[in-house]
Amino acid sequence: MRLGITPLPLKPFRDETVEKESLPIFKYEITAEVTDLNGETQSATTIINVGYHALLASLSIPNSLDKTEKDHQISIDTKNLNGEFVPAKGNIKIYKLRAP
């Protein structure tokens, strides 16, 4: 049961020496202490990540592919900055490189 819990606005500050284009991720530790009617205090701490972007995507593909095979496994994983799965849509484009 949650009684009398009011969300507090959080305006994280950022390190102005880090360029926005480098897509930095800033870590914040948040600690809350709550005292119940009996005077018992409970506390919890969590770490959140904040950045200029909302999504991290990783791609897993074998180092070499056999072009005679029709099906290949490509694995894509998308998460938010705190490591939680986030569904996403997109396109995959594969290009043949020209030899030097």
N, C-alpha and C. Protein backbone atom coordinates (compact mmCIF):
# COMPACT_ATOMS: atom_id res chain seq x y z
N MET A 1 0.84 -1.16 0.00
CA MET A 1 0.00 0.00 0.00
C MET A 1 0.90 1.24 0.00
N ARG A 2 0.62 2.17 -0.86
CA ARG A 2 1.39 3.41 -0.93
C ARG A 2 0.54 4.55 -0.41
N LEU A 3 0.99 5.16 0.66
CA LEU A 3 0.25 6.27 1.24
C LEU A 3 1.08 7.54 1.20
N GLY A 4 0.49 8.60 0.74
CA GLY A 4 1.13 9.90 0.82
C GLY A 4 2.45 10.03 0.07
N ILE A 5 2.65 9.26 -0.99
CA ILE A 5 3.89 9.37 -1.74
C ILE A 5 3.70 10.37 -2.86
N THR A 6 4.50 11.40 -2.85
CA THR A 6 4.42 12.43 -3.87
C THR A 6 5.69 12.38 -4.71
N PRO A 7 5.56 12.22 -6.03
CA PRO A 7 6.76 12.22 -6.87
C PRO A 7 7.44 13.59 -6.82
N LEU A 8 8.74 13.56 -6.71
CA LEU A 8 9.52 14.79 -6.69
C LEU A 8 10.15 15.00 -8.06
N PRO A 9 10.14 16.22 -8.56
CA PRO A 9 10.77 16.46 -9.86
C PRO A 9 12.28 16.28 -9.73
N LEU A 10 12.87 15.66 -10.72
CA LEU A 10 14.31 15.44 -10.74
C LEU A 10 14.89 16.12 -11.97
N LYS A 11 15.71 17.11 -11.76
CA LYS A 11 16.37 17.78 -12.86
C LYS A 11 17.86 17.51 -12.74
N PRO A 12 18.33 16.47 -13.45
CA PRO A 12 19.75 16.13 -13.32
C PRO A 12 20.64 17.21 -13.93
N PHE A 13 21.78 17.44 -13.30
CA PHE A 13 22.74 18.38 -13.87
C PHE A 13 23.73 17.60 -14.71
N ARG A 14 24.37 18.26 -15.64
CA ARG A 14 25.28 17.56 -16.53
C ARG A 14 26.65 18.22 -16.50
N ASP A 15 27.62 17.45 -16.90
CA ASP A 15 28.99 17.92 -16.98
C ASP A 15 29.15 18.68 -18.29
N GLU A 16 29.28 19.99 -18.20
CA GLU A 16 29.36 20.84 -19.40
C GLU A 16 30.65 20.62 -20.19
N THR A 17 31.64 19.94 -19.59
CA THR A 17 32.90 19.70 -20.31
C THR A 17 32.80 18.52 -21.26
N VAL A 18 31.72 17.74 -21.16
CA VAL A 18 31.52 16.58 -22.03
C VAL A 18 30.63 16.99 -23.19
N GLU A 19 31.09 16.70 -24.42
CA GLU A 19 30.32 17.09 -25.61
C GLU A 19 29.08 16.21 -25.77
N LYS A 20 27.99 16.85 -26.11
CA LYS A 20 26.71 16.18 -26.31
C LYS A 20 26.81 15.13 -27.42
N GLU A 21 27.60 15.43 -28.46
CA GLU A 21 27.73 14.54 -29.62
C GLU A 21 28.41 13.22 -29.27
N SER A 22 29.14 13.16 -28.17
CA SER A 22 29.81 11.91 -27.78
C SER A 22 28.84 10.95 -27.06
N LEU A 23 27.59 11.36 -26.93
CA LEU A 23 26.52 10.58 -26.29
C LEU A 23 26.94 10.04 -24.92
N PRO A 24 27.29 10.94 -24.01
CA PRO A 24 27.69 10.50 -22.67
C PRO A 24 26.50 9.95 -21.89
N ILE A 25 26.79 9.10 -20.93
CA ILE A 25 25.77 8.60 -20.02
C ILE A 25 26.19 9.01 -18.61
N PHE A 26 25.33 9.73 -17.92
CA PHE A 26 25.60 10.22 -16.58
C PHE A 26 24.89 9.32 -15.57
N LYS A 27 25.59 8.88 -14.55
CA LYS A 27 25.03 8.02 -13.51
C LYS A 27 24.66 8.85 -12.29
N TYR A 28 23.46 8.63 -11.76
CA TYR A 28 22.98 9.31 -10.58
C TYR A 28 22.56 8.27 -9.54
N GLU A 29 22.96 8.49 -8.31
CA GLU A 29 22.54 7.64 -7.21
C GLU A 29 21.43 8.35 -6.45
N ILE A 30 20.33 7.65 -6.25
CA ILE A 30 19.18 8.23 -5.55
C ILE A 30 18.92 7.40 -4.30
N THR A 31 18.87 8.07 -3.17
CA THR A 31 18.58 7.41 -1.90
C THR A 31 17.34 8.03 -1.29
N ALA A 32 16.45 7.18 -0.80
CA ALA A 32 15.23 7.66 -0.14
C ALA A 32 15.12 7.01 1.22
N GLU A 33 14.72 7.80 2.21
CA GLU A 33 14.44 7.28 3.54
C GLU A 33 13.01 7.65 3.90
N VAL A 34 12.28 6.67 4.42
CA VAL A 34 10.88 6.87 4.75
C VAL A 34 10.66 6.37 6.18
N THR A 35 9.97 7.16 6.97
CA THR A 35 9.64 6.76 8.34
C THR A 35 8.14 6.53 8.43
N ASP A 36 7.76 5.34 8.94
CA ASP A 36 6.33 5.03 9.03
C ASP A 36 5.74 5.59 10.33
N LEU A 37 4.46 5.33 10.54
CA LEU A 37 3.76 5.88 11.71
C LEU A 37 4.33 5.36 13.03
N ASN A 38 4.98 4.20 13.01
CA ASN A 38 5.56 3.61 14.22
C ASN A 38 6.98 4.11 14.48
N GLY A 39 7.47 4.97 13.61
CA GLY A 39 8.82 5.50 13.78
C GLY A 39 9.90 4.65 13.16
N GLU A 40 9.51 3.59 12.45
CA GLU A 40 10.49 2.72 11.81
C GLU A 40 10.90 3.33 10.47
N THR A 41 12.20 3.40 10.26
CA THR A 41 12.72 4.01 9.03
C THR A 41 13.22 2.94 8.07
N GLN A 42 12.82 3.06 6.84
CA GLN A 42 13.28 2.19 5.75
C GLN A 42 14.00 3.07 4.75
N SER A 43 15.05 2.51 4.14
CA SER A 43 15.75 3.28 3.11
C SER A 43 16.06 2.39 1.93
N ALA A 44 16.20 3.00 0.79
CA ALA A 44 16.54 2.29 -0.44
C ALA A 44 17.39 3.21 -1.31
N THR A 45 18.27 2.59 -2.05
CA THR A 45 19.15 3.33 -2.96
C THR A 45 19.09 2.68 -4.33
N THR A 46 19.07 3.49 -5.35
CA THR A 46 19.12 2.98 -6.72
C THR A 46 20.00 3.89 -7.56
N ILE A 47 20.48 3.37 -8.65
CA ILE A 47 21.29 4.16 -9.58
C ILE A 47 20.54 4.22 -10.90
N ILE A 48 20.43 5.43 -11.44
CA ILE A 48 19.81 5.60 -12.76
C ILE A 48 20.83 6.23 -13.70
N ASN A 49 20.67 5.92 -14.96
CA ASN A 49 21.52 6.47 -16.01
C ASN A 49 20.70 7.45 -16.84
N VAL A 50 21.29 8.59 -17.14
CA VAL A 50 20.62 9.63 -17.91
C VAL A 50 21.56 10.07 -19.02
N GLY A 51 21.01 10.32 -20.20
CA GLY A 51 21.83 10.78 -21.31
C GLY A 51 21.02 11.58 -22.30
N TYR A 52 21.67 11.97 -23.38
CA TYR A 52 21.00 12.74 -24.43
C TYR A 52 20.24 11.82 -25.38
N HIS A 53 20.41 10.53 -25.24
CA HIS A 53 19.74 9.55 -26.08
C HIS A 53 18.96 8.60 -25.18
N ALA A 54 17.97 7.93 -25.72
CA ALA A 54 17.10 7.10 -24.89
C ALA A 54 17.31 5.61 -25.11
N LEU A 55 18.08 5.24 -26.12
CA LEU A 55 18.14 3.84 -26.53
C LEU A 55 19.56 3.42 -26.84
N LEU A 56 19.90 2.20 -26.43
CA LEU A 56 21.16 1.57 -26.80
C LEU A 56 20.81 0.34 -27.63
N ALA A 57 21.45 0.18 -28.77
CA ALA A 57 21.20 -0.98 -29.62
C ALA A 57 22.51 -1.71 -29.84
N SER A 58 22.44 -3.04 -29.77
CA SER A 58 23.62 -3.84 -30.06
C SER A 58 23.25 -4.88 -31.11
N LEU A 59 24.21 -5.19 -31.95
CA LEU A 59 24.01 -6.09 -33.08
C LEU A 59 24.99 -7.23 -32.95
N SER A 60 24.50 -8.45 -33.10
CA SER A 60 25.35 -9.62 -33.03
C SER A 60 25.22 -10.39 -34.33
N ILE A 61 26.36 -10.58 -35.00
CA ILE A 61 26.38 -11.28 -36.28
C ILE A 61 27.71 -12.03 -36.36
N PRO A 62 27.72 -13.21 -36.95
CA PRO A 62 28.99 -13.95 -37.07
C PRO A 62 30.04 -13.14 -37.84
N ASN A 63 31.31 -13.42 -37.56
CA ASN A 63 32.40 -12.72 -38.25
C ASN A 63 32.42 -13.00 -39.75
N SER A 64 32.00 -14.19 -40.14
CA SER A 64 31.95 -14.50 -41.58
C SER A 64 30.63 -15.19 -41.89
N LEU A 65 30.13 -14.92 -43.08
CA LEU A 65 28.87 -15.50 -43.53
C LEU A 65 29.12 -16.25 -44.83
N ASP A 66 28.45 -17.38 -45.01
CA ASP A 66 28.55 -18.15 -46.25
C ASP A 66 27.48 -17.65 -47.19
N LYS A 67 27.90 -17.05 -48.31
CA LYS A 67 26.91 -16.46 -49.21
C LYS A 67 26.06 -17.49 -49.94
N THR A 68 26.43 -18.78 -49.87
CA THR A 68 25.61 -19.81 -50.50
C THR A 68 24.41 -20.18 -49.62
N GLU A 69 24.47 -19.81 -48.35
CA GLU A 69 23.34 -20.07 -47.45
C GLU A 69 22.31 -18.95 -47.59
N LYS A 70 21.04 -19.33 -47.46
CA LYS A 70 19.98 -18.34 -47.60
C LYS A 70 19.65 -17.63 -46.29
N ASP A 71 19.67 -18.37 -45.19
CA ASP A 71 19.28 -17.81 -43.91
C ASP A 71 20.49 -17.60 -43.01
N HIS A 72 20.54 -16.42 -42.41
CA HIS A 72 21.59 -16.10 -41.46
C HIS A 72 20.94 -15.51 -40.21
N GLN A 73 21.58 -15.72 -39.08
CA GLN A 73 21.05 -15.22 -37.82
C GLN A 73 21.72 -13.88 -37.47
N ILE A 74 20.93 -12.85 -37.36
CA ILE A 74 21.40 -11.55 -36.90
C ILE A 74 20.56 -11.22 -35.66
N SER A 75 21.23 -10.92 -34.58
CA SER A 75 20.54 -10.65 -33.33
C SER A 75 20.68 -9.16 -32.99
N ILE A 76 19.56 -8.53 -32.71
CA ILE A 76 19.55 -7.11 -32.34
C ILE A 76 18.92 -6.99 -30.96
N ASP A 77 19.58 -6.25 -30.09
CA ASP A 77 19.09 -6.06 -28.72
C ASP A 77 18.97 -4.56 -28.47
N THR A 78 17.81 -4.13 -28.02
CA THR A 78 17.59 -2.71 -27.73
C THR A 78 17.20 -2.56 -26.26
N LYS A 79 17.89 -1.64 -25.58
CA LYS A 79 17.65 -1.40 -24.16
C LYS A 79 17.67 0.10 -23.90
N ASN A 80 17.04 0.50 -22.80
CA ASN A 80 17.16 1.90 -22.39
C ASN A 80 18.49 2.06 -21.65
N LEU A 81 18.79 3.24 -21.19
CA LEU A 81 20.09 3.50 -20.56
C LEU A 81 20.26 2.78 -19.23
N ASN A 82 19.17 2.25 -18.68
CA ASN A 82 19.24 1.51 -17.42
C ASN A 82 19.21 0.00 -17.64
N GLY A 83 19.39 -0.43 -18.89
CA GLY A 83 19.52 -1.85 -19.20
C GLY A 83 18.22 -2.61 -19.32
N GLU A 84 17.10 -1.92 -19.38
CA GLU A 84 15.81 -2.58 -19.52
C GLU A 84 15.43 -2.67 -20.99
N PHE A 85 14.87 -3.82 -21.38
CA PHE A 85 14.46 -4.03 -22.78
C PHE A 85 13.47 -2.97 -23.22
N VAL A 86 13.67 -2.46 -24.43
CA VAL A 86 12.76 -1.50 -25.04
C VAL A 86 12.48 -1.99 -26.46
N PRO A 87 11.21 -2.23 -26.81
CA PRO A 87 10.92 -2.64 -28.18
C PRO A 87 11.22 -1.49 -29.14
N ALA A 88 11.77 -1.83 -30.29
CA ALA A 88 12.11 -0.80 -31.27
C ALA A 88 11.91 -1.35 -32.67
N LYS A 89 11.68 -0.45 -33.61
CA LYS A 89 11.57 -0.81 -35.01
C LYS A 89 12.68 -0.12 -35.78
N GLY A 90 13.09 -0.73 -36.87
CA GLY A 90 14.13 -0.11 -37.68
C GLY A 90 14.38 -0.90 -38.94
N ASN A 91 15.40 -0.54 -39.66
CA ASN A 91 15.78 -1.22 -40.90
C ASN A 91 17.22 -1.68 -40.80
N ILE A 92 17.51 -2.80 -41.42
CA ILE A 92 18.88 -3.30 -41.51
C ILE A 92 19.27 -3.23 -42.98
N LYS A 93 20.40 -2.60 -43.23
CA LYS A 93 20.93 -2.54 -44.59
C LYS A 93 22.30 -3.17 -44.58
N ILE A 94 22.54 -4.07 -45.51
CA ILE A 94 23.83 -4.76 -45.63
C ILE A 94 24.39 -4.41 -47.00
N TYR A 95 25.64 -3.95 -47.00
CA TYR A 95 26.29 -3.53 -48.23
C TYR A 95 27.56 -4.36 -48.47
N LYS A 96 27.79 -4.67 -49.71
CA LYS A 96 29.04 -5.32 -50.08
C LYS A 96 30.12 -4.26 -50.20
N LEU A 97 31.24 -4.48 -49.54
CA LEU A 97 32.34 -3.52 -49.61
C LEU A 97 33.16 -3.75 -50.87
N ARG A 98 33.70 -2.66 -51.40
CA ARG A 98 34.59 -2.78 -52.54
C ARG A 98 36.01 -3.03 -52.05
N ALA A 99 36.68 -3.94 -52.71
CA ALA A 99 38.07 -4.21 -52.35
C ALA A 99 38.93 -2.99 -52.68
N PRO A 100 39.96 -2.73 -51.88
CA PRO A 100 40.81 -1.56 -52.16
C PRO A 100 41.57 -1.69 -53.48
